């Protein structure tokens, strides 16, 4: 093998190893945060960095595959994952969309944070810089191109950013991170409210 090919092969091996190490490190950090609650503040920007809107609310995560994402301002909405299905509820239009967990990841990358399915991770590349991890989709047809997760010194998630394929992106800052929230038992159960239309895509 000539020298350029040797160098290329070595760089490929280093790159593959770096991806594996970053992915393993991120998976371990997420596994260590098996249950948490937090408040979030979201800012949405267009592709040029212009602020479009702000939102805020609460989230609760219990790995694997259970979370309750409740936006309270400026408009209410909910995303609830019960371990098998994901429910997207918009009270304003009185509609609920139900998706299988494996299908919802295409539109809701947060499922990767809450889940532990290695099959899903195989569709993403992971890079790391200190306590910041960037996860990039290999599927060009996916609505979410990449997202970035930032941990603080206590290995709590304190921020993540989601970039859509068309360039718009959202910044989420977490506060009040709690690894021991008290659960009542129905946080991850969603029942379709009376009079609300169900769009069942399962």
N, C-alpha and C. Protein backbone atom coordinates (compact mmCIF):
# COMPACT_ATOMS: atom_id res chain seq x y z
N UNK A 1 0.85 -1.19 0.00
CA UNK A 1 0.00 0.00 0.00
C UNK A 1 0.89 1.25 0.00
N UNK A 2 0.57 2.22 -0.88
CA UNK A 2 1.42 3.41 -0.93
C UNK A 2 1.14 4.34 0.25
N UNK A 3 2.02 5.34 0.41
CA UNK A 3 1.97 6.19 1.59
C UNK A 3 0.65 6.96 1.73
N UNK A 4 0.13 7.60 0.63
CA UNK A 4 -1.14 8.33 0.77
C UNK A 4 -2.28 7.42 1.23
N UNK A 5 -2.32 6.18 0.71
CA UNK A 5 -3.37 5.26 1.10
C UNK A 5 -3.22 4.85 2.56
N UNK A 6 -1.97 4.68 2.99
CA UNK A 6 -1.72 4.32 4.39
C UNK A 6 -2.20 5.44 5.32
N UNK A 7 -1.88 6.69 4.94
CA UNK A 7 -2.31 7.84 5.74
C UNK A 7 -3.83 7.93 5.78
N UNK A 8 -4.45 7.72 4.61
CA UNK A 8 -5.91 7.77 4.53
C UNK A 8 -6.55 6.70 5.40
N UNK A 9 -6.01 5.50 5.36
CA UNK A 9 -6.54 4.40 6.16
C UNK A 9 -6.39 4.69 7.65
N UNK A 10 -5.23 5.27 8.02
CA UNK A 10 -4.99 5.60 9.42
C UNK A 10 -5.96 6.67 9.91
N UNK A 11 -6.19 7.69 9.08
CA UNK A 11 -7.12 8.75 9.46
C UNK A 11 -8.53 8.20 9.60
N UNK A 12 -8.91 7.27 8.72
CA UNK A 12 -10.24 6.67 8.79
C UNK A 12 -10.40 5.89 10.09
N UNK A 13 -9.36 5.15 10.47
CA UNK A 13 -9.40 4.38 11.71
C UNK A 13 -9.51 5.30 12.92
N UNK A 14 -8.74 6.40 12.90
CA UNK A 14 -8.77 7.35 14.01
C UNK A 14 -10.15 8.00 14.12
N UNK A 15 -10.72 8.37 12.95
CA UNK A 15 -12.03 9.00 12.93
C UNK A 15 -13.10 8.04 13.45
N UNK A 16 -13.04 6.79 13.04
CA UNK A 16 -14.01 5.80 13.48
C UNK A 16 -13.91 5.56 14.98
N UNK A 17 -12.66 5.52 15.47
CA UNK A 17 -12.45 5.31 16.90
C UNK A 17 -12.95 6.50 17.71
N UNK A 18 -12.71 7.72 17.19
CA UNK A 18 -13.18 8.93 17.88
C UNK A 18 -14.70 8.94 17.96
N UNK A 19 -15.37 8.54 16.85
CA UNK A 19 -16.83 8.48 16.85
C UNK A 19 -17.32 7.48 17.88
N UNK A 20 -16.69 6.29 17.91
CA UNK A 20 -17.10 5.25 18.84
C UNK A 20 -16.92 5.71 20.28
N UNK A 21 -15.79 6.38 20.57
CA UNK A 21 -15.53 6.86 21.93
C UNK A 21 -16.54 7.94 22.32
N UNK A 22 -16.83 8.87 21.40
CA UNK A 22 -17.78 9.95 21.69
C UNK A 22 -19.18 9.38 21.90
N UNK A 23 -19.57 8.44 21.05
CA UNK A 23 -20.89 7.84 21.18
C UNK A 23 -21.01 7.06 22.49
N UNK A 24 -19.99 6.31 22.82
CA UNK A 24 -20.00 5.54 24.07
C UNK A 24 -20.04 6.44 25.28
N UNK A 25 -19.26 7.53 25.22
CA UNK A 25 -19.23 8.48 26.33
C UNK A 25 -20.60 9.13 26.52
N UNK A 26 -21.24 9.54 25.42
CA UNK A 26 -22.55 10.17 25.51
C UNK A 26 -23.59 9.19 26.04
N UNK A 27 -23.57 7.97 25.53
CA UNK A 27 -24.53 6.96 26.00
C UNK A 27 -24.38 6.72 27.50
N UNK A 28 -23.14 6.70 27.98
CA UNK A 28 -22.90 6.47 29.40
C UNK A 28 -23.42 7.64 30.25
N UNK A 29 -23.17 8.86 29.79
CA UNK A 29 -23.65 10.03 30.52
C UNK A 29 -25.18 10.03 30.60
N UNK A 30 -25.81 9.66 29.48
CA UNK A 30 -27.27 9.63 29.47
C UNK A 30 -27.80 8.50 30.35
N UNK A 31 -27.11 7.36 30.34
CA UNK A 31 -27.52 6.22 31.17
C UNK A 31 -27.44 6.58 32.66
N UNK A 32 -26.46 7.42 33.01
CA UNK A 32 -26.29 7.82 34.41
C UNK A 32 -27.39 8.77 34.89
N UNK A 33 -28.08 9.39 33.92
CA UNK A 33 -29.19 10.28 34.26
C UNK A 33 -30.48 9.55 33.87
N UNK A 34 -30.82 8.54 34.64
CA UNK A 34 -31.95 7.67 34.27
C UNK A 34 -33.31 8.30 34.58
N UNK A 35 -33.32 9.28 35.46
CA UNK A 35 -34.56 9.96 35.82
C UNK A 35 -34.24 11.41 36.16
N UNK A 36 -34.98 12.33 35.56
CA UNK A 36 -34.77 13.74 35.92
C UNK A 36 -35.96 14.58 35.49
N UNK A 37 -36.07 15.71 36.14
CA UNK A 37 -37.03 16.73 35.74
C UNK A 37 -36.29 18.05 35.63
N UNK A 38 -36.85 18.98 34.88
CA UNK A 38 -36.22 20.30 34.71
C UNK A 38 -37.22 21.24 34.08
N UNK A 39 -36.92 22.53 34.20
CA UNK A 39 -37.65 23.54 33.45
C UNK A 39 -36.81 23.90 32.23
N UNK A 40 -37.47 24.25 31.13
CA UNK A 40 -36.73 24.62 29.93
C UNK A 40 -37.18 25.98 29.40
N UNK A 41 -36.22 26.67 28.81
CA UNK A 41 -36.50 27.92 28.09
C UNK A 41 -35.99 27.73 26.67
N UNK A 42 -36.88 27.87 25.70
CA UNK A 42 -36.55 27.62 24.30
C UNK A 42 -36.53 28.92 23.51
N UNK A 43 -35.51 29.05 22.66
CA UNK A 43 -35.46 30.17 21.71
C UNK A 43 -35.28 29.58 20.32
N UNK A 44 -36.11 30.02 19.39
CA UNK A 44 -36.06 29.53 18.01
C UNK A 44 -35.47 30.60 17.11
N UNK A 45 -34.51 30.21 16.26
CA UNK A 45 -33.86 31.12 15.33
C UNK A 45 -34.06 30.64 13.90
N UNK A 46 -34.04 31.60 12.95
CA UNK A 46 -34.07 31.19 11.55
C UNK A 46 -32.65 30.85 11.10
N UNK A 47 -32.49 30.47 9.84
CA UNK A 47 -31.19 30.02 9.34
C UNK A 47 -30.11 31.09 9.39
N UNK A 48 -30.52 32.36 9.50
CA UNK A 48 -29.56 33.46 9.56
C UNK A 48 -29.30 33.94 10.99
N UNK A 49 -29.92 33.27 11.97
CA UNK A 49 -29.69 33.63 13.36
C UNK A 49 -30.66 34.63 13.92
N UNK A 50 -31.70 34.98 13.17
CA UNK A 50 -32.70 35.92 13.66
C UNK A 50 -33.67 35.20 14.60
N UNK A 51 -33.90 35.80 15.76
CA UNK A 51 -34.81 35.18 16.73
C UNK A 51 -36.25 35.22 16.21
N UNK A 52 -36.91 34.06 16.26
CA UNK A 52 -38.28 33.95 15.78
C UNK A 52 -39.29 33.90 16.92
N UNK A 53 -39.00 33.14 17.96
CA UNK A 53 -39.94 33.04 19.06
C UNK A 53 -39.28 32.43 20.29
N UNK A 54 -39.96 32.57 21.42
CA UNK A 54 -39.52 31.97 22.66
C UNK A 54 -40.64 31.11 23.23
N UNK A 55 -40.26 30.09 24.00
CA UNK A 55 -41.24 29.24 24.66
C UNK A 55 -40.61 28.72 25.94
N UNK A 56 -41.45 28.21 26.83
CA UNK A 56 -40.95 27.65 28.08
C UNK A 56 -41.91 26.61 28.61
N UNK A 57 -41.41 25.80 29.54
CA UNK A 57 -42.25 24.77 30.11
C UNK A 57 -41.46 23.84 31.01
N UNK A 58 -41.96 22.62 31.15
CA UNK A 58 -41.37 21.64 32.06
C UNK A 58 -41.17 20.32 31.31
N UNK A 59 -40.17 19.57 31.73
CA UNK A 59 -39.98 18.25 31.16
C UNK A 59 -39.61 17.25 32.25
N UNK A 60 -39.99 16.01 32.00
CA UNK A 60 -39.72 14.91 32.92
C UNK A 60 -39.30 13.71 32.08
N UNK A 61 -38.20 13.09 32.46
CA UNK A 61 -37.67 11.96 31.69
C UNK A 61 -37.39 10.78 32.61
N UNK A 62 -37.82 9.61 32.18
CA UNK A 62 -37.46 8.37 32.86
C UNK A 62 -37.03 7.37 31.80
N UNK A 63 -35.74 7.08 31.81
CA UNK A 63 -35.23 6.13 30.83
C UNK A 63 -35.57 4.71 31.26
N UNK A 64 -35.87 3.82 30.27
CA UNK A 64 -35.84 4.11 28.85
C UNK A 64 -37.22 4.50 28.28
N UNK A 65 -37.18 5.46 27.37
CA UNK A 65 -38.29 5.76 26.47
C UNK A 65 -39.55 6.33 27.10
N UNK A 66 -39.41 6.99 28.25
CA UNK A 66 -40.57 7.65 28.84
C UNK A 66 -40.22 9.11 29.11
N UNK A 67 -41.04 10.00 28.61
CA UNK A 67 -40.86 11.41 28.94
C UNK A 67 -42.15 12.18 28.76
N UNK A 68 -42.20 13.30 29.45
CA UNK A 68 -43.35 14.20 29.38
C UNK A 68 -42.81 15.60 29.15
N UNK A 69 -43.06 16.11 27.97
CA UNK A 69 -42.56 17.43 27.56
C UNK A 69 -43.76 18.36 27.48
N UNK A 70 -43.85 19.31 28.41
CA UNK A 70 -45.02 20.16 28.53
C UNK A 70 -44.65 21.62 28.30
N UNK A 71 -45.00 22.15 27.15
CA UNK A 71 -44.79 23.57 26.86
C UNK A 71 -45.98 24.34 27.43
N UNK A 72 -45.69 25.35 28.24
CA UNK A 72 -46.76 26.11 28.88
C UNK A 72 -46.89 27.53 28.36
N UNK A 73 -45.84 28.06 27.71
CA UNK A 73 -45.86 29.43 27.21
C UNK A 73 -45.06 29.52 25.91
N UNK A 74 -45.53 30.28 24.92
CA UNK A 74 -46.72 31.13 24.91
C UNK A 74 -48.01 30.35 24.66
N UNK A 75 -47.91 29.14 24.09
CA UNK A 75 -49.07 28.29 23.87
C UNK A 75 -48.79 26.92 24.47
N UNK A 76 -49.84 26.26 24.91
CA UNK A 76 -49.66 24.95 25.53
C UNK A 76 -49.59 23.84 24.49
N UNK A 77 -48.69 22.89 24.73
CA UNK A 77 -48.62 21.67 23.93
C UNK A 77 -47.92 20.61 24.76
N UNK A 78 -48.09 19.35 24.37
CA UNK A 78 -47.48 18.27 25.12
C UNK A 78 -46.95 17.20 24.17
N UNK A 79 -45.82 16.60 24.57
CA UNK A 79 -45.32 15.40 23.91
C UNK A 79 -45.09 14.39 25.02
N UNK A 80 -45.78 13.27 24.95
CA UNK A 80 -45.69 12.25 25.98
C UNK A 80 -45.29 10.93 25.35
N UNK A 81 -44.24 10.31 25.90
CA UNK A 81 -43.81 8.99 25.46
C UNK A 81 -44.02 8.02 26.61
N UNK A 82 -44.74 6.91 26.35
CA UNK A 82 -45.07 5.98 27.41
C UNK A 82 -44.24 4.70 27.38
N UNK A 83 -43.20 4.69 26.52
CA UNK A 83 -42.36 3.51 26.40
C UNK A 83 -42.59 2.76 25.11
N UNK A 84 -43.75 2.94 24.51
CA UNK A 84 -44.09 2.26 23.26
C UNK A 84 -44.54 3.25 22.19
N UNK A 85 -45.34 4.21 22.61
CA UNK A 85 -45.90 5.18 21.67
C UNK A 85 -45.56 6.60 22.11
N UNK A 86 -45.67 7.52 21.16
CA UNK A 86 -45.44 8.94 21.44
C UNK A 86 -46.70 9.71 21.05
N UNK A 87 -47.15 10.56 21.95
CA UNK A 87 -48.37 11.34 21.75
C UNK A 87 -48.01 12.82 21.65
N UNK A 88 -48.43 13.46 20.56
CA UNK A 88 -48.19 14.88 20.36
C UNK A 88 -49.53 15.60 20.42
N UNK A 89 -49.71 16.41 21.46
CA UNK A 89 -51.01 17.02 21.71
C UNK A 89 -50.95 18.53 21.57
N UNK A 90 -51.83 19.06 20.73
CA UNK A 90 -51.95 20.51 20.53
C UNK A 90 -53.36 20.93 20.93
N UNK A 91 -53.54 21.47 22.14
CA UNK A 91 -54.88 21.85 22.60
C UNK A 91 -55.53 22.93 21.73
N UNK A 92 -54.71 23.80 21.13
CA UNK A 92 -55.27 24.91 20.35
C UNK A 92 -56.08 24.40 19.16
N UNK A 93 -55.55 23.39 18.46
CA UNK A 93 -56.29 22.85 17.31
C UNK A 93 -57.06 21.59 17.69
N UNK A 94 -57.01 21.24 18.99
CA UNK A 94 -57.73 20.08 19.52
C UNK A 94 -57.42 18.82 18.73
N UNK A 95 -56.12 18.53 18.64
CA UNK A 95 -55.71 17.34 17.89
C UNK A 95 -54.55 16.64 18.60
N UNK A 96 -54.56 15.32 18.56
CA UNK A 96 -53.49 14.48 19.08
C UNK A 96 -52.99 13.60 17.95
N UNK A 97 -51.67 13.54 17.79
CA UNK A 97 -51.06 12.62 16.84
C UNK A 97 -50.33 11.53 17.61
N UNK A 98 -50.62 10.28 17.28
CA UNK A 98 -49.98 9.14 17.95
C UNK A 98 -49.03 8.46 16.98
N UNK A 99 -47.79 8.23 17.43
CA UNK A 99 -46.76 7.60 16.61
C UNK A 99 -46.11 6.45 17.37
N UNK A 100 -45.64 5.45 16.64
CA UNK A 100 -44.81 4.44 17.25
C UNK A 100 -43.48 5.08 17.63
N UNK A 101 -42.90 4.62 18.71
CA UNK A 101 -41.66 5.21 19.21
C UNK A 101 -40.58 5.24 18.14
N UNK A 102 -40.42 4.15 17.39
CA UNK A 102 -39.36 4.06 16.39
C UNK A 102 -39.56 5.05 15.24
N UNK A 103 -40.80 5.44 15.00
CA UNK A 103 -41.08 6.41 13.93
C UNK A 103 -40.95 7.85 14.42
N UNK A 104 -41.21 8.05 15.71
CA UNK A 104 -41.22 9.41 16.25
C UNK A 104 -39.84 10.03 16.29
N UNK A 105 -38.78 9.21 16.33
CA UNK A 105 -37.42 9.75 16.42
C UNK A 105 -37.07 10.61 15.21
N UNK A 106 -37.74 10.38 14.07
CA UNK A 106 -37.47 11.18 12.87
C UNK A 106 -37.83 12.64 13.09
N UNK A 107 -38.82 12.89 13.94
CA UNK A 107 -39.27 14.26 14.18
C UNK A 107 -38.97 14.75 15.59
N UNK A 108 -38.61 13.86 16.48
CA UNK A 108 -38.39 14.20 17.88
C UNK A 108 -37.08 13.60 18.37
N UNK A 109 -35.96 14.25 18.11
CA UNK A 109 -34.66 13.68 18.49
C UNK A 109 -34.50 13.50 19.99
N UNK A 110 -35.39 14.13 20.76
CA UNK A 110 -35.30 13.99 22.21
C UNK A 110 -35.45 12.53 22.62
N UNK A 111 -36.07 11.71 21.75
CA UNK A 111 -36.22 10.29 22.06
C UNK A 111 -34.86 9.62 22.22
N UNK A 112 -33.85 10.12 21.51
CA UNK A 112 -32.50 9.56 21.68
C UNK A 112 -31.98 9.82 23.08
N UNK A 113 -32.33 10.97 23.65
CA UNK A 113 -31.90 11.28 25.01
C UNK A 113 -32.60 10.38 26.01
N UNK A 114 -33.88 10.10 25.74
CA UNK A 114 -34.67 9.31 26.69
C UNK A 114 -34.55 7.81 26.47
N UNK A 115 -34.05 7.41 25.29
CA UNK A 115 -34.04 5.99 24.96
C UNK A 115 -32.70 5.32 25.17
N UNK A 116 -32.69 4.01 24.90
CA UNK A 116 -31.45 3.24 25.01
C UNK A 116 -31.32 2.21 23.90
N UNK A 117 -31.95 2.48 22.76
CA UNK A 117 -31.95 1.54 21.65
C UNK A 117 -30.73 1.79 20.75
N UNK A 118 -29.77 0.87 20.78
CA UNK A 118 -28.56 1.03 19.97
C UNK A 118 -28.86 1.08 18.48
N UNK A 119 -29.97 0.46 18.05
CA UNK A 119 -30.32 0.45 16.64
C UNK A 119 -30.57 1.87 16.13
N UNK A 120 -31.17 2.71 16.98
CA UNK A 120 -31.41 4.10 16.59
C UNK A 120 -30.12 4.88 16.47
N UNK A 121 -29.18 4.62 17.39
CA UNK A 121 -27.92 5.36 17.40
C UNK A 121 -27.08 5.08 16.17
N UNK A 122 -27.28 3.94 15.54
CA UNK A 122 -26.49 3.59 14.36
C UNK A 122 -26.77 4.51 13.18
N UNK A 123 -27.85 5.28 13.28
CA UNK A 123 -28.21 6.21 12.20
C UNK A 123 -27.61 7.60 12.40
N UNK A 124 -26.75 7.74 13.42
CA UNK A 124 -26.21 9.05 13.77
C UNK A 124 -24.70 8.99 13.98
N UNK A 125 -24.05 10.11 13.68
CA UNK A 125 -22.62 10.28 13.99
C UNK A 125 -22.52 11.17 15.23
N UNK A 126 -21.57 10.85 16.10
CA UNK A 126 -21.41 11.61 17.35
C UNK A 126 -19.99 12.15 17.44
N UNK A 127 -19.88 13.44 17.73
CA UNK A 127 -18.57 14.05 17.99
C UNK A 127 -18.62 14.71 19.37
N UNK A 128 -17.44 14.90 19.97
CA UNK A 128 -17.37 15.44 21.33
C UNK A 128 -16.30 16.51 21.44
N UNK A 129 -16.64 17.57 22.15
CA UNK A 129 -15.67 18.60 22.51
C UNK A 129 -15.93 18.96 23.96
N UNK A 130 -15.04 18.49 24.85
CA UNK A 130 -15.24 18.63 26.30
C UNK A 130 -16.57 17.98 26.69
N UNK A 131 -17.48 18.75 27.29
CA UNK A 131 -18.77 18.20 27.72
C UNK A 131 -19.90 18.51 26.74
N UNK A 132 -19.52 18.80 25.51
CA UNK A 132 -20.51 19.10 24.48
C UNK A 132 -20.47 18.00 23.41
N UNK A 133 -21.63 17.40 23.15
CA UNK A 133 -21.72 16.32 22.17
C UNK A 133 -22.64 16.75 21.03
N UNK A 134 -22.19 16.53 19.80
CA UNK A 134 -22.99 16.85 18.64
C UNK A 134 -23.39 15.55 17.94
N UNK A 135 -24.68 15.38 17.75
CA UNK A 135 -25.23 14.17 17.14
C UNK A 135 -25.82 14.55 15.79
N UNK A 136 -25.28 13.97 14.71
CA UNK A 136 -25.69 14.34 13.36
C UNK A 136 -26.32 13.15 12.65
N UNK A 137 -27.47 13.38 12.05
CA UNK A 137 -28.18 12.32 11.36
C UNK A 137 -27.50 11.96 10.04
N UNK A 138 -27.48 10.67 9.73
CA UNK A 138 -26.97 10.21 8.44
C UNK A 138 -28.08 10.19 7.38
N UNK A 139 -29.30 10.37 7.82
CA UNK A 139 -30.45 10.33 6.93
C UNK A 139 -30.77 11.75 6.44
N UNK A 140 -30.48 12.01 5.18
CA UNK A 140 -30.67 13.35 4.63
C UNK A 140 -32.14 13.75 4.56
N UNK A 141 -33.03 12.75 4.62
CA UNK A 141 -34.46 13.05 4.53
C UNK A 141 -35.06 13.41 5.89
N UNK A 142 -34.28 13.28 6.94
CA UNK A 142 -34.78 13.53 8.28
C UNK A 142 -34.98 15.03 8.50
N UNK A 143 -36.05 15.38 9.21
CA UNK A 143 -36.36 16.79 9.46
C UNK A 143 -35.31 17.44 10.36
N UNK A 144 -34.78 16.66 11.31
CA UNK A 144 -33.78 17.16 12.23
C UNK A 144 -32.39 16.76 11.73
N UNK A 145 -31.57 17.73 11.36
CA UNK A 145 -30.24 17.44 10.82
C UNK A 145 -29.26 17.04 11.92
N UNK A 146 -29.32 17.75 13.05
CA UNK A 146 -28.39 17.45 14.14
C UNK A 146 -28.90 18.05 15.44
N UNK A 147 -28.38 17.54 16.54
CA UNK A 147 -28.63 18.22 17.81
C UNK A 147 -27.41 18.10 18.70
N UNK A 148 -27.30 19.05 19.61
CA UNK A 148 -26.12 19.16 20.46
C UNK A 148 -26.55 19.14 21.93
N UNK A 149 -25.86 18.33 22.73
CA UNK A 149 -26.18 18.18 24.14
C UNK A 149 -25.00 18.67 24.97
N UNK A 150 -25.27 19.53 25.94
CA UNK A 150 -24.21 20.07 26.79
C UNK A 150 -24.46 19.66 28.24
N UNK A 151 -23.42 19.15 28.89
CA UNK A 151 -23.49 18.75 30.29
C UNK A 151 -22.71 19.75 31.15
N UNK A 152 -23.16 19.92 32.41
CA UNK A 152 -22.40 20.78 33.32
C UNK A 152 -21.37 19.94 34.09
N UNK A 153 -20.72 20.52 35.07
CA UNK A 153 -19.66 19.82 35.80
C UNK A 153 -20.19 18.67 36.65
N UNK A 154 -21.48 18.68 36.95
CA UNK A 154 -22.10 17.58 37.71
C UNK A 154 -22.70 16.53 36.78
N UNK A 155 -22.40 16.67 35.47
CA UNK A 155 -22.92 15.76 34.45
C UNK A 155 -24.44 15.81 34.34
N UNK A 156 -25.01 16.95 34.69
CA UNK A 156 -26.42 17.21 34.43
C UNK A 156 -26.54 17.87 33.06
N UNK A 157 -27.61 17.57 32.35
CA UNK A 157 -27.84 18.23 31.06
C UNK A 157 -28.28 19.67 31.35
N UNK A 158 -27.56 20.64 30.82
CA UNK A 158 -27.97 22.03 31.07
C UNK A 158 -28.36 22.78 29.80
N UNK A 159 -28.17 22.12 28.64
CA UNK A 159 -28.56 22.77 27.39
C UNK A 159 -28.54 21.76 26.26
N UNK A 160 -29.45 21.94 25.31
CA UNK A 160 -29.30 21.24 24.04
C UNK A 160 -29.87 22.10 22.92
N UNK A 161 -29.31 21.90 21.74
CA UNK A 161 -29.68 22.67 20.56
C UNK A 161 -30.09 21.72 19.45
N UNK A 162 -31.16 22.07 18.76
CA UNK A 162 -31.68 21.24 17.68
C UNK A 162 -31.65 22.03 16.38
N UNK A 163 -31.01 21.46 15.36
CA UNK A 163 -30.93 22.12 14.06
C UNK A 163 -31.74 21.34 13.03
N UNK A 164 -32.67 22.04 12.39
CA UNK A 164 -33.49 21.39 11.37
C UNK A 164 -32.76 21.37 10.04
N UNK A 165 -33.18 20.47 9.17
CA UNK A 165 -32.52 20.28 7.88
C UNK A 165 -32.52 21.56 7.04
N UNK A 166 -33.55 22.39 7.21
CA UNK A 166 -33.66 23.62 6.41
C UNK A 166 -32.94 24.80 7.04
N UNK A 167 -32.26 24.58 8.16
CA UNK A 167 -31.44 25.63 8.73
C UNK A 167 -31.97 26.27 10.00
N UNK A 168 -33.28 26.20 10.24
CA UNK A 168 -33.82 26.76 11.48
C UNK A 168 -33.32 25.94 12.67
N UNK A 169 -33.09 26.60 13.78
CA UNK A 169 -32.61 25.86 14.93
C UNK A 169 -33.19 26.40 16.23
N UNK A 170 -33.22 25.53 17.24
CA UNK A 170 -33.78 25.88 18.54
C UNK A 170 -32.75 25.64 19.63
N UNK A 171 -32.71 26.55 20.58
CA UNK A 171 -31.82 26.46 21.73
C UNK A 171 -32.68 26.22 22.97
N UNK A 172 -32.34 25.18 23.74
CA UNK A 172 -33.06 24.87 24.96
C UNK A 172 -32.10 24.98 26.14
N UNK A 173 -32.43 25.82 27.10
CA UNK A 173 -31.62 25.94 28.32
C UNK A 173 -32.43 25.37 29.48
N UNK A 174 -31.81 24.45 30.23
CA UNK A 174 -32.50 23.80 31.32
C UNK A 174 -32.11 24.43 32.65
N UNK A 175 -33.05 24.46 33.56
CA UNK A 175 -32.81 24.96 34.91
C UNK A 175 -33.58 24.09 35.90
N UNK A 176 -33.18 24.18 37.18
CA UNK A 176 -33.87 23.38 38.19
C UNK A 176 -33.75 21.89 37.95
N UNK A 177 -32.59 21.45 37.45
CA UNK A 177 -32.39 20.04 37.13
C UNK A 177 -32.47 19.20 38.40
N UNK A 178 -33.35 18.20 38.39
CA UNK A 178 -33.61 17.38 39.58
C UNK A 178 -33.53 15.90 39.21
N UNK A 179 -32.58 15.19 39.79
CA UNK A 179 -32.43 13.76 39.51
C UNK A 179 -33.35 12.88 40.35
N UNK A 180 -34.06 13.48 41.29
CA UNK A 180 -34.94 12.68 42.16
C UNK A 180 -36.34 13.28 42.25
N UNK A 181 -36.99 13.47 41.11
CA UNK A 181 -38.37 13.99 41.17
C UNK A 181 -39.31 12.94 41.75
N UNK A 182 -40.34 13.39 42.43
CA UNK A 182 -41.33 12.47 42.99
C UNK A 182 -42.38 12.17 41.92
N UNK A 183 -42.58 10.89 41.64
CA UNK A 183 -43.53 10.47 40.62
C UNK A 183 -44.82 9.96 41.25
N UNK A 184 -45.94 10.26 40.60
CA UNK A 184 -47.24 9.79 41.09
C UNK A 184 -47.70 8.54 40.37
N UNK A 185 -47.08 8.24 39.21
CA UNK A 185 -47.41 7.02 38.49
C UNK A 185 -48.13 7.22 37.18
N UNK A 186 -48.61 8.43 36.91
CA UNK A 186 -49.34 8.64 35.65
C UNK A 186 -48.72 9.72 34.77
N UNK A 187 -47.48 10.09 35.07
CA UNK A 187 -46.82 11.17 34.31
C UNK A 187 -46.60 10.81 32.84
N UNK A 188 -46.46 9.52 32.55
CA UNK A 188 -46.16 9.10 31.18
C UNK A 188 -47.34 8.39 30.53
N UNK A 189 -48.53 8.60 31.09
CA UNK A 189 -49.76 8.04 30.53
C UNK A 189 -50.54 9.16 29.87
N UNK A 190 -50.90 8.97 28.60
CA UNK A 190 -51.67 10.01 27.92
C UNK A 190 -53.04 9.45 27.53
N UNK A 191 -54.08 10.17 27.90
CA UNK A 191 -55.43 9.83 27.52
C UNK A 191 -55.98 10.94 26.65
N UNK A 192 -56.54 10.57 25.51
CA UNK A 192 -57.05 11.57 24.57
C UNK A 192 -58.25 12.27 25.21
N UNK A 193 -58.17 13.60 25.36
CA UNK A 193 -59.28 14.34 25.97
C UNK A 193 -60.55 14.24 25.13
N UNK A 194 -61.68 14.34 25.80
CA UNK A 194 -62.97 14.30 25.10
C UNK A 194 -63.06 15.44 24.09
N UNK A 195 -63.57 15.12 22.91
CA UNK A 195 -63.74 16.14 21.87
C UNK A 195 -62.50 16.44 21.06
N UNK A 196 -61.38 15.77 21.37
CA UNK A 196 -60.12 16.01 20.65
C UNK A 196 -59.94 14.95 19.57
N UNK A 197 -59.56 15.39 18.37
CA UNK A 197 -59.37 14.48 17.24
C UNK A 197 -58.06 13.71 17.38
N UNK A 198 -58.11 12.41 17.13
CA UNK A 198 -56.92 11.56 17.18
C UNK A 198 -56.45 11.21 15.78
N UNK A 199 -55.23 11.60 15.46
CA UNK A 199 -54.59 11.21 14.18
C UNK A 199 -53.64 10.06 14.51
N UNK A 200 -54.12 8.86 14.36
CA UNK A 200 -53.37 7.67 14.78
C UNK A 200 -52.50 7.16 13.63
N UNK A 201 -51.18 7.34 13.75
CA UNK A 201 -50.26 6.92 12.70
C UNK A 201 -49.46 5.67 13.10
N UNK A 202 -49.93 4.97 14.13
CA UNK A 202 -49.20 3.79 14.60
C UNK A 202 -49.44 2.58 13.70
